[in-house]
Structure formats: C-alpha cells, structure tokens
C-alpha cells in the first residue's frame, strides 16, 4: 500500500526539524551550561561544534547509507541514535560527557538528515511537486534552526538547560513510530560498500582545521600549536581526495563535480554556511550577556528570525516559477548581506526594537529566499542512484562551512573583545558589555563579508537556467 504523500512529507520534515533544531537549540542555554558545568569560552564553543563537525563529517557517509541499505532503515537508525544521544547529553555531569553526547547526536543526525531529503526527491516527481516539497523541507529546517532559540529559552527558563536535549527523547520516539508506519523502504545502489575510511578522513581533517583555528586565538597563526593542526587538517583532506579518486566505491565520487549545478551550489552553500551560523550563536550571547535578557526573553526575541526565514523559504518556490533560481538566490544573498551588516552596528546601549528587530527581518528573509533555489540546484542533474549522496553533500557543505565559520568568527570576536577590554582598562570578573558588544559586532561584520563573497560566487558559477 502506497502511503499518502502528506504523510511522507510530514515524517521527513519532522526528522529534519529535529536535526536542525539541535544545531541552534543549545545556543540560548550556553550561559547556563557554562555556569553549571564550569566551561570556559573556548570549551563552550565545542558544545556547538562537536555536533556540527560530526554532523558535517559523516553526512556523506549517511547519504550513502540511505542509498545502500534503504532510506527508511537509515531514517530509523539515525533517529534512534540521535534520540539516545540526546538522553545521554541531558544526563551529562561532566563537560566531556556533554561534548561526547553532542558528537554522537551529530553522527545520528548525519545518517538521518540525508534520508529525509532523499525520501522526498524519490517520492515526489521532478517539477513543481518536488520543488514545493523541497521548499517545505527547507522552510521546516530553517524554522527548526530559528525555533531553537525560542524552544531553548522556554526549556532553560522553566526547567533547566538539560531539557533542551531531553525534549528530543519523547519527540524522537513519536517520530520513530510515525516513520515506521508511513515510510516505505527503498534503495538505489545495492551491492556497493561503504567508504568508512573516507568518512573518517574528512571528519578528522575538518576537526583538525577547526581546532587549529581555535588555537590561533591564544598562540597566533605562526605558532606550532596552531600550524600543526592546520597543516595536519589540510593534509588529511588531501589524503581524502586521493582516496576518493582511487577507491572503487568512493564516499564522494569526484565525477559528481563535473555537473555544474552540483559543484556550484555546494560551493555557495559552503561559503554561506561560514557566515550564517553567526546569527544564532552571537545573537544569543548578545541578548543575554549584553542586553541581559533572560533565556525565555532571548528565545522570544528570535521569533522575528523564525517567521522571516520561514516566510522566505515558503515564498521561494512560488518566485522560482517566475524568476530563475540564480536570480532569486542572489537577491536573497544581497538581503542577507544588508541584514548582517546592519546587525554589526550593535552596541552595549542597544535595544530589541532599535538594534535587533530590523536586521533580524532582513537577514532572515534573505536567508530563506536563498536556501531553496540553492538546494534545488544542488540536487538536480544527478542520477537517482546518487540521490542520497547528493542530499548528504548539500548538508555537508553547509555544516562544514558553518562549523569552520563559527570557529573563525568566535576567534575574531574573542580577539576584538580582548583588545577592547584591554583598551578600556577593564578587568574584574570578565569582559564588560562594551567589550562583548564590540566583539559580537565584529563577528557580524566579518560574516557579512563572507556572505557577500558567496553572492559573487553565485553570479560567477551558478547557471542561468530556470529551476
């Protein structure tokens, strides 16, 4: 019996919502986590990046798992691991336990997320139906990222930070039941093997790069403590490319990058991700550390981001019927650049209405308009047998870009905070609001430049063809 299309769409989008929610849900809880577990600023970053890096590093493997062993099976296994790791993270008593649980969450998400997109691209026929389904998937994913602030604020304020992870347990169990009933098994490339060495190499390479960037804050770019992991990460990524070129069943077939839409859209996703993670991470810190919002107030302050990014994602499929995907993606990118640059004017005397609201609407609307045409372009032109792989590649590009971008932006923000605090003769228990606001504002300035580079890349690399 063929399940109704709405049920398949609901199950796929629910899984994606949980995956993206956990990228941002901990942001509002970060100050509480730091106080409870005694984490420093650098260690605190790894509560976010442990998830983002394992998610990004194993997404390609997760996409291939869906192709080889079945999309429904991958969905159920990934969601089960994600749910179990959420329970472990919510019960963590030591910092290393929380970071390890977040890494395990990322691994489960890496198996789950490509299956959600592959299920849609193989269930809905090409054309308007698939574009609408991908638009809904994008909107739900974007809404998950944006809703993370509100959900995290409510749970942290009324229960504790642990519930930002524990809430996944009952929700994940409910989605598991629905997926078991509604989804139909399907696979596209039986008989091939998994490229586990490739997955390990790309994850280790990206993690080493991120660690090296973090080390530059304390030791500088020329110190051995920074150069060794940076060069080691580049070497591991070089070995990864060499392995992929020679293995019979590569995790990332290099031939895919002969398809212009695939390589161009993924390159743009990588660069965009590098700038866009700033919005959730630094806005949460600004609202609580500078404007002194409570966790629930900070969560409510993210509502304009949520509504605007969902609006942009839902408008995009309709606008793609009139304008080319390239034109729409560039328009969204330009709006995002304006919004991020506007947000970089934040200071210690800011207010929600005067400092946060306007930039939130502009940069979130632009992000929503941009993501659907990019996801559509990145998944077009590939063979059905590569659907899971290409879906994984889309998310890999965005998450690797986001993880590395967050590491860079956290480092430059910390440098500006230190310089501002030193220049003002500050001291005491830590940086004051003026120094913190200066650091967060500098992060948004750099992020706007990164997204501007992505817009230029769109203009040069994306084809003109209508989606």
Protein backbone atom coordinates (compact mmCIF):
# COMPACT_ATOMS: atom_id res chain seq x y z
CA UNK A 1 0.00 0.00 0.00
CA UNK A 2 1.42 3.40 -1.03
CA UNK A 3 1.38 5.89 1.88
CA UNK A 4 -0.20 9.30 1.25
CA UNK A 5 2.24 11.96 0.09
CA UNK A 6 1.38 14.23 3.03
CA UNK A 7 2.39 11.51 5.50
CA UNK A 8 5.76 11.01 3.81
CA UNK A 9 6.32 14.77 3.77
CA UNK A 10 5.35 15.06 7.44
CA UNK A 11 7.69 12.28 8.56
CA UNK A 12 10.63 13.59 6.51
CA UNK A 13 10.14 17.17 7.68
CA UNK A 14 9.77 16.12 11.34
CA UNK A 15 13.10 14.32 11.17
CA UNK A 16 14.80 17.31 9.55
CA UNK A 17 13.23 19.68 12.09
CA UNK A 18 14.83 17.77 14.97
CA UNK A 19 18.22 17.67 13.23
CA UNK A 20 18.34 21.41 12.55
CA UNK A 21 16.72 22.32 15.87
CA UNK A 22 19.69 20.83 17.70
CA UNK A 23 22.15 22.98 15.78
CA UNK A 24 20.68 26.06 17.46
CA UNK A 25 18.62 24.92 20.48
CA UNK A 26 21.64 24.91 22.81
CA UNK A 27 22.63 28.49 21.93
CA UNK A 28 20.24 30.15 24.39
CA UNK A 29 21.25 27.60 27.04
CA UNK A 30 25.01 28.25 26.66
CA UNK A 31 25.34 30.69 29.58
CA UNK A 32 23.52 28.22 31.87
CA UNK A 33 25.64 25.31 30.64
CA UNK A 34 28.83 27.28 31.25
CA UNK A 35 27.78 28.10 34.82
CA UNK A 36 26.59 24.59 35.66
CA UNK A 37 29.50 22.61 34.17
CA UNK A 38 32.24 25.22 34.59
CA UNK A 39 33.13 25.64 30.91
CA UNK A 40 35.37 28.39 29.54
CA UNK A 41 34.61 30.39 26.38
CA UNK A 42 36.71 28.15 24.12
CA UNK A 43 35.35 24.92 25.60
CA UNK A 44 31.81 26.29 25.36
CA UNK A 45 32.20 26.61 21.61
CA UNK A 46 32.72 22.83 21.37
CA UNK A 47 29.25 22.17 22.77
CA UNK A 48 28.07 23.60 19.45
CA UNK A 49 30.91 22.41 17.23
CA UNK A 50 31.05 18.80 18.47
CA UNK A 51 27.60 18.40 16.95
CA UNK A 52 28.28 20.47 13.85
CA UNK A 53 31.58 18.75 12.98
CA UNK A 54 30.44 15.14 13.35
CA UNK A 55 27.22 16.03 11.56
CA UNK A 56 29.13 17.57 8.68
CA UNK A 57 31.90 14.98 8.56
CA UNK A 58 29.63 11.95 8.37
CA UNK A 59 26.84 13.38 6.20
CA UNK A 60 28.32 11.92 3.02
CA UNK A 61 28.53 8.52 4.68
CA UNK A 62 24.96 8.96 5.90
CA UNK A 63 23.78 9.72 2.38
CA UNK A 64 25.46 6.58 1.05
CA UNK A 65 23.94 4.51 3.89
CA UNK A 66 20.49 5.59 2.70
CA UNK A 67 21.31 4.56 -0.88
CA UNK A 68 22.81 1.18 0.05
CA UNK A 69 20.76 -0.08 2.96
CA UNK A 70 17.44 1.66 2.40
CA UNK A 71 16.10 5.12 3.10
CA UNK A 72 13.58 4.03 5.71
CA UNK A 73 16.17 1.96 7.55
CA UNK A 74 18.65 4.85 7.54
CA UNK A 75 15.92 7.19 8.82
CA UNK A 76 15.03 4.87 11.71
CA UNK A 77 18.63 4.04 12.69
CA UNK A 78 19.75 7.68 12.52
CA UNK A 79 16.79 8.91 14.56
CA UNK A 80 17.28 6.16 17.16
CA UNK A 81 20.95 7.10 17.68
CA UNK A 82 20.06 10.80 17.76
CA UNK A 83 17.39 10.20 20.42
CA UNK A 84 19.64 8.01 22.60
CA UNK A 85 22.49 10.56 22.43
CA UNK A 86 20.06 13.33 23.42
CA UNK A 87 19.21 11.36 26.56
CA UNK A 88 22.91 10.92 27.36
CA UNK A 89 23.60 14.63 26.85
CA UNK A 90 20.71 15.67 29.05
CA UNK A 91 22.05 13.50 31.87
CA UNK A 92 25.72 14.57 31.49
CA UNK A 93 27.56 15.52 34.68
CA UNK A 94 30.97 16.39 33.22
CA UNK A 95 31.90 18.63 30.28
CA UNK A 96 33.46 15.75 28.33
CA UNK A 97 30.25 13.73 28.70
CA UNK A 98 28.21 16.54 27.19
CA UNK A 99 30.65 17.08 24.31
CA UNK A 100 30.76 13.32 23.60
CA UNK A 101 26.96 13.12 23.61
CA UNK A 102 26.74 16.07 21.22
CA UNK A 103 29.20 14.31 18.90
CA UNK A 104 27.04 11.16 18.99
CA UNK A 105 23.98 13.30 18.24
CA UNK A 106 25.81 14.66 15.21
CA UNK A 107 26.55 11.14 13.98
CA UNK A 108 22.88 10.16 14.28
CA UNK A 109 21.84 13.38 12.52
CA UNK A 110 24.32 12.64 9.72
CA UNK A 111 22.53 9.36 8.97
CA UNK A 112 19.05 10.82 9.43
CA UNK A 113 19.22 14.11 7.52
CA UNK A 114 20.20 12.85 4.03
CA UNK A 115 17.47 10.22 4.28
CA UNK A 116 14.85 12.93 4.81
CA UNK A 117 15.77 14.76 1.60
CA UNK A 118 16.29 11.56 -0.40
CA UNK A 119 12.84 10.30 0.63
CA UNK A 120 11.33 13.49 -0.79
CA UNK A 121 13.33 13.55 -4.04
CA UNK A 122 12.43 9.90 -4.75
CA UNK A 123 8.77 10.19 -3.65
CA UNK A 124 7.78 13.38 -5.46
CA UNK A 125 8.18 13.60 -9.26
CA UNK A 126 10.50 16.21 -10.72
CA UNK A 127 8.96 19.62 -11.37
CA UNK A 128 6.58 21.76 -9.35
CA UNK A 129 5.61 19.00 -6.90
CA UNK A 130 9.20 18.28 -5.95
CA UNK A 131 10.05 21.98 -5.75
CA UNK A 132 7.13 22.55 -3.35
CA UNK A 133 8.20 19.56 -1.24
CA UNK A 134 11.80 20.79 -1.09
CA UNK A 135 10.51 24.28 -0.27
CA UNK A 136 8.52 22.87 2.65
CA UNK A 137 11.53 20.80 3.77
CA UNK A 138 13.73 23.91 3.61
CA UNK A 139 11.17 26.01 5.49
CA UNK A 140 10.79 23.40 8.23
CA UNK A 141 14.57 23.05 8.52
CA UNK A 142 15.00 26.81 8.66
CA UNK A 143 12.17 27.01 11.16
CA UNK A 144 13.88 24.38 13.28
CA UNK A 145 17.04 26.45 13.36
CA UNK A 146 15.12 29.59 14.18
CA UNK A 147 12.74 27.94 16.67
CA UNK A 148 15.73 26.57 18.55
CA UNK A 149 16.13 29.91 20.29
CA UNK A 150 12.53 30.01 21.49
CA UNK A 151 12.41 26.34 22.49
CA UNK A 152 15.78 26.60 24.24
CA UNK A 153 14.70 29.73 26.11
CA UNK A 154 11.44 28.24 27.34
CA UNK A 155 13.02 25.00 28.50
CA UNK A 156 16.04 26.66 30.13
CA UNK A 157 13.96 29.25 31.98
CA UNK A 158 11.19 26.99 33.23
CA UNK A 159 13.02 23.66 33.63
CA UNK A 160 16.79 23.60 33.07
CA UNK A 161 19.32 23.59 30.24
CA UNK A 162 19.23 19.78 30.30
CA UNK A 163 15.75 19.79 28.81
CA UNK A 164 16.97 21.34 25.56
CA UNK A 165 18.37 17.84 24.95
CA UNK A 166 15.93 15.68 26.91
CA UNK A 167 12.95 17.08 24.96
CA UNK A 168 14.22 15.15 21.92
CA UNK A 169 13.51 11.84 23.65
CA UNK A 170 9.67 11.85 23.61
CA UNK A 171 9.52 13.75 20.31
CA UNK A 172 12.02 11.40 18.68
CA UNK A 173 10.08 8.36 19.90
CA UNK A 174 6.85 9.75 18.41
CA UNK A 175 8.50 10.43 15.04
CA UNK A 176 10.02 6.93 15.07
CA UNK A 177 6.56 5.40 15.38
CA UNK A 178 5.17 7.56 12.58
CA UNK A 179 8.11 6.80 10.28
CA UNK A 180 7.83 3.06 10.92
CA UNK A 181 4.17 3.18 9.85
CA UNK A 182 4.26 5.67 6.98
CA UNK A 183 7.59 5.28 5.21
CA UNK A 184 8.19 2.65 2.53
CA UNK A 185 11.61 1.06 2.13
CA UNK A 186 13.63 1.87 -0.95
CA UNK A 187 17.25 1.77 -2.03
CA UNK A 188 19.11 2.66 -5.18
CA UNK A 189 22.59 1.14 -5.19
CA UNK A 190 22.53 -2.36 -3.74
CA UNK A 191 25.79 -4.30 -3.75
CA UNK A 192 28.16 -1.41 -3.11
CA UNK A 193 30.19 -0.98 0.06
CA UNK A 194 30.60 1.90 2.44
CA UNK A 195 33.68 4.10 2.28
CA UNK A 196 34.33 4.34 6.03
CA UNK A 197 37.99 5.47 5.62
CA UNK A 198 36.76 8.40 3.53
CA UNK A 199 34.29 9.45 6.22
CA UNK A 200 36.93 9.24 8.95
CA UNK A 201 39.45 11.22 6.89
CA UNK A 202 37.09 14.09 6.04
CA UNK A 203 35.81 14.34 9.63
CA UNK A 204 39.33 14.27 11.11
CA UNK A 205 40.54 16.82 8.56
CA UNK A 206 37.77 19.32 9.23
CA UNK A 207 38.05 18.83 13.01
CA UNK A 208 41.82 19.44 12.89
CA UNK A 209 41.28 22.64 10.91
CA UNK A 210 38.70 23.86 13.41
CA UNK A 211 40.98 23.07 16.35
CA UNK A 212 43.88 24.87 14.67
CA UNK A 213 41.78 27.98 14.13
CA UNK A 214 40.76 27.97 17.80
CA UNK A 215 44.43 27.75 18.82
CA UNK A 216 45.25 30.94 16.91
CA UNK A 217 43.33 32.97 19.49
CA UNK A 218 45.85 32.09 22.20
CA UNK A 219 49.04 31.34 20.26
CA UNK A 220 48.79 33.27 16.97
CA UNK A 221 48.81 31.94 13.41
CA UNK A 222 52.57 31.30 13.22
CA UNK A 223 52.89 29.20 16.41
CA UNK A 224 53.41 25.45 16.19
CA UNK A 225 50.29 24.90 18.33
CA UNK A 226 48.24 26.46 15.51
CA UNK A 227 50.22 25.45 12.43
CA UNK A 228 50.47 21.74 13.25
CA UNK A 229 46.70 21.09 13.39
CA UNK A 230 46.04 23.46 10.48
CA UNK A 231 48.57 21.77 8.20
CA UNK A 232 47.55 18.36 9.51
CA UNK A 233 43.92 19.09 8.67
CA UNK A 234 44.81 20.17 5.14
CA UNK A 235 46.95 17.06 4.71
CA UNK A 236 44.11 14.80 5.87
CA UNK A 237 41.72 16.46 3.43
CA UNK A 238 44.30 15.98 0.66
CA UNK A 239 44.54 12.27 1.54
CA UNK A 240 40.74 12.13 1.49
CA UNK A 241 40.64 13.45 -2.08
CA UNK A 242 43.36 10.96 -3.12
CA UNK A 243 41.46 8.06 -1.54
CA UNK A 244 38.21 9.12 -3.24
CA UNK A 245 39.96 9.23 -6.62
CA UNK A 246 41.21 5.63 -6.30
CA UNK A 247 38.62 3.66 -4.36
CA UNK A 248 36.03 1.59 -6.24
CA UNK A 249 33.10 2.85 -4.17
CA UNK A 250 34.03 6.41 -3.10
CA UNK A 251 32.14 8.26 -0.45
CA UNK A 252 32.23 11.33 -2.68
CA UNK A 253 32.56 10.39 -6.37
CA UNK A 254 34.65 13.21 -7.80
CA UNK A 255 32.80 12.81 -11.10
CA UNK A 256 29.77 14.45 -9.48
CA UNK A 257 31.63 17.74 -9.59
CA UNK A 258 31.57 17.68 -13.36
CA UNK A 259 27.88 18.63 -13.02
CA UNK A 260 27.91 22.39 -12.84
CA UNK A 261 24.81 22.80 -10.69
CA UNK A 262 26.17 20.34 -8.12
CA UNK A 263 29.61 21.86 -7.60
CA UNK A 264 28.46 25.48 -7.91
CA UNK A 265 25.54 25.21 -5.48
CA UNK A 266 27.60 23.27 -2.97
CA UNK A 267 30.45 25.77 -3.15
CA UNK A 268 27.96 28.55 -2.43
CA UNK A 269 26.45 26.52 0.43
CA UNK A 270 29.93 26.08 1.95
CA UNK A 271 30.67 29.81 1.89
CA UNK A 272 27.18 30.83 3.06
CA UNK A 273 27.36 28.42 5.97
CA UNK A 274 30.58 30.10 7.06
CA UNK A 275 28.74 33.36 7.64
CA UNK A 276 25.25 32.33 8.63
CA UNK A 277 25.99 30.44 11.84
CA UNK A 278 26.89 33.81 13.36
CA UNK A 279 23.27 34.86 13.58
CA UNK A 280 22.17 32.22 16.09
CA UNK A 281 25.33 31.94 18.16
CA UNK A 282 26.29 35.58 18.60
CA UNK A 283 22.76 36.96 18.82
CA UNK A 284 22.02 34.61 21.71
CA UNK A 285 25.15 35.79 23.53
CA UNK A 286 24.43 39.46 22.77
CA UNK A 287 20.85 39.25 24.03
CA UNK A 288 21.82 37.58 27.31
CA UNK A 289 25.32 38.87 28.07
CA UNK A 290 24.88 42.47 26.87
CA UNK A 291 21.15 43.26 26.92
CA UNK A 292 20.64 40.98 29.97
CA UNK A 293 17.65 39.12 28.56
CA UNK A 294 16.54 36.02 30.42
CA UNK A 295 16.67 32.73 28.45
CA UNK A 296 12.94 32.91 27.65
CA UNK A 297 13.18 36.57 26.63
CA UNK A 298 16.10 35.69 24.35
CA UNK A 299 14.08 32.84 22.88
CA UNK A 300 11.12 35.13 22.19
CA UNK A 301 13.48 37.64 20.61
CA UNK A 302 14.24 35.03 17.94
CA UNK A 303 10.60 34.94 16.77
CA UNK A 304 11.20 37.57 14.03
CA UNK A 305 14.08 35.45 12.75
CA UNK A 306 11.85 32.37 12.75
CA UNK A 307 8.89 33.94 10.97
CA UNK A 308 11.03 35.75 8.39
CA UNK A 309 13.14 32.76 7.42
CA UNK A 310 10.08 30.51 7.11
CA UNK A 311 8.32 33.18 5.03
CA UNK A 312 11.30 33.43 2.70
CA UNK A 313 11.52 29.66 2.33
CA UNK A 314 7.82 29.34 1.52
CA UNK A 315 7.85 32.25 -0.94
CA UNK A 316 10.87 30.89 -2.80
CA UNK A 317 9.10 28.04 -4.70
CA UNK A 318 6.43 30.47 -5.95
CA UNK A 319 9.02 33.03 -7.03
CA UNK A 320 11.06 30.33 -8.78
CA UNK A 321 8.13 29.89 -11.18
CA UNK A 322 8.70 33.49 -12.31
CA UNK A 323 12.40 34.16 -11.78
CA UNK A 324 15.45 31.98 -12.30
CA UNK A 325 16.83 30.19 -9.27
CA UNK A 326 20.10 32.09 -9.71
CA UNK A 327 18.38 35.49 -9.64
CA UNK A 328 16.36 34.55 -6.56
CA UNK A 329 19.37 33.13 -4.70
CA UNK A 330 21.41 36.27 -5.43
CA UNK A 331 18.55 38.52 -4.30
CA UNK A 332 18.27 36.59 -1.05
CA UNK A 333 22.05 36.75 -0.59
CA UNK A 334 22.12 40.52 -1.06
CA UNK A 335 19.34 40.93 1.52
CA UNK A 336 21.29 38.74 3.94
CA UNK A 337 24.45 40.83 3.44
CA UNK A 338 22.48 44.01 4.20
CA UNK A 339 20.95 42.45 7.30
CA UNK A 340 24.24 41.16 8.68
CA UNK A 341 25.98 44.49 8.04
CA UNK A 342 23.08 46.29 9.75
CA UNK A 343 23.34 43.95 12.74
CA UNK A 344 27.05 44.72 13.03
CA UNK A 345 26.09 48.18 14.32
CA UNK A 346 25.03 46.66 17.68
CA UNK A 347 26.49 48.19 20.83
CA UNK A 348 26.19 47.98 24.59
CA UNK A 349 23.34 50.51 24.67
CA UNK A 350 21.20 48.66 22.13
CA UNK A 351 17.54 47.69 22.46
CA UNK A 352 15.47 44.93 20.90
CA UNK A 353 13.33 47.31 18.80
CA UNK A 354 16.18 49.58 17.78
CA UNK A 355 19.06 47.14 17.37
CA UNK A 356 17.73 43.62 16.76
CA UNK A 357 14.30 43.67 15.08
CA UNK A 358 15.10 45.33 11.75
CA UNK A 359 18.28 43.37 10.96
CA UNK A 360 16.57 40.14 12.07
CA UNK A 361 13.80 40.51 9.47
CA UNK A 362 16.13 41.47 6.62
CA UNK A 363 18.85 38.85 7.11
CA UNK A 364 16.40 36.03 7.88
CA UNK A 365 14.14 36.78 4.92
CA UNK A 366 17.19 36.85 2.66
CA UNK A 367 18.45 33.54 4.03
CA UNK A 368 15.08 31.89 3.44
CA UNK A 369 14.86 33.13 -0.15
CA UNK A 370 18.38 31.91 -0.87
CA UNK A 371 18.35 28.36 0.51
CA UNK A 372 15.53 26.76 -1.54
CA UNK A 373 16.94 27.59 -5.01
CA UNK A 374 20.41 26.51 -3.87
CA UNK A 375 19.11 23.17 -2.51
CA UNK A 376 17.10 22.62 -5.70
CA UNK A 377 20.11 23.35 -7.90
CA UNK A 378 22.42 21.15 -5.83
CA UNK A 379 20.12 18.12 -6.12
CA UNK A 380 19.34 18.48 -9.83
CA UNK A 381 21.28 16.76 -12.58
CA UNK A 382 22.41 13.74 -10.54
CA UNK A 383 21.30 10.17 -11.22
CA UNK A 384 18.61 8.65 -8.93
CA UNK A 385 21.21 6.17 -7.62
CA UNK A 386 23.20 9.14 -6.28
CA UNK A 387 20.21 10.88 -4.64
CA UNK A 388 21.24 10.11 -1.07
CA UNK A 389 24.84 11.09 -1.72
CA UNK A 390 23.92 14.42 -3.29
CA UNK A 391 21.47 15.15 -0.45
CA UNK A 392 24.25 14.45 2.02
CA UNK A 393 26.64 16.66 0.08
CA UNK A 394 24.23 19.62 0.30
CA UNK A 395 24.09 19.42 4.07
CA UNK A 396 27.79 18.60 4.34
CA UNK A 397 28.74 21.79 2.52
CA UNK A 398 26.51 23.93 4.72
CA UNK A 399 27.55 22.28 8.00
CA UNK A 400 31.29 22.18 7.29
CA UNK A 401 31.13 25.81 6.25
CA UNK A 402 29.15 26.61 9.39
CA UNK A 403 31.49 24.75 11.74
CA UNK A 404 34.64 26.32 10.29
CA UNK A 405 32.95 29.70 10.02
CA UNK A 406 31.81 29.62 13.64
CA UNK A 407 35.35 28.74 14.71
CA UNK A 408 36.78 31.67 12.74
CA UNK A 409 34.11 34.10 13.90
CA UNK A 410 34.44 33.05 17.54
CA UNK A 411 38.19 33.61 17.30
CA UNK A 412 37.94 37.07 15.72
CA UNK A 413 35.21 38.06 18.20
CA UNK A 414 37.38 36.95 21.14
CA UNK A 415 40.33 38.93 19.79
CA UNK A 416 38.19 42.08 19.46
CA UNK A 417 36.71 41.57 22.95
CA UNK A 418 40.20 41.23 24.43
CA UNK A 419 41.50 44.29 22.58
CA UNK A 420 38.51 46.42 23.57
CA UNK A 421 38.61 45.34 27.20
CA UNK A 422 42.35 46.00 27.38
CA UNK A 423 42.00 49.40 25.75
CA UNK A 424 39.32 50.44 28.21
CA UNK A 425 41.32 49.23 31.18
CA UNK A 426 38.65 46.66 32.07
CA UNK A 427 39.15 43.85 34.48
CA UNK A 428 37.25 42.17 37.23
CA UNK A 429 35.29 39.02 36.65
CA UNK A 430 35.36 39.17 32.87
CA UNK A 431 34.74 41.35 29.84
CA UNK A 432 32.13 44.06 30.26
CA UNK A 433 29.14 44.76 27.98
CA UNK A 434 31.04 47.29 25.86
CA UNK A 435 33.80 44.83 25.01
CA UNK A 436 31.37 41.95 24.44
CA UNK A 437 29.18 44.03 22.12
CA UNK A 438 32.26 45.13 20.16
CA UNK A 439 33.35 41.52 19.68
CA UNK A 440 29.92 40.29 18.62
CA UNK A 441 29.51 43.24 16.24
CA UNK A 442 32.88 42.47 14.65
CA UNK A 443 31.75 38.88 14.09
CA UNK A 444 28.71 40.13 12.17
CA UNK A 445 30.90 42.44 10.09
CA UNK A 446 33.11 39.53 9.05
CA UNK A 447 30.04 37.34 8.45
CA UNK A 448 28.53 39.94 6.10
CA UNK A 449 31.77 39.90 4.10
CA UNK A 450 31.67 36.10 3.87
CA UNK A 451 28.08 36.12 2.57
CA UNK A 452 28.99 38.90 0.10
CA UNK A 453 31.69 36.58 -1.25
CA UNK A 454 29.01 33.89 -1.64
CA UNK A 455 26.87 36.29 -3.71
CA UNK A 456 29.81 36.94 -6.02
CA UNK A 457 30.33 33.19 -6.33
CA UNK A 458 26.65 32.77 -7.26
CA UNK A 459 26.99 35.39 -10.01
CA UNK A 460 30.05 33.65 -11.47
CA UNK A 461 29.29 29.96 -11.01
CA UNK A 462 25.55 29.27 -10.97
CA UNK A 463 23.93 28.59 -14.37
CA UNK A 464 21.24 30.95 -15.63
CA UNK A 465 18.72 28.21 -16.35
CA UNK A 466 15.34 28.45 -14.57
CA UNK A 467 14.70 25.84 -11.88
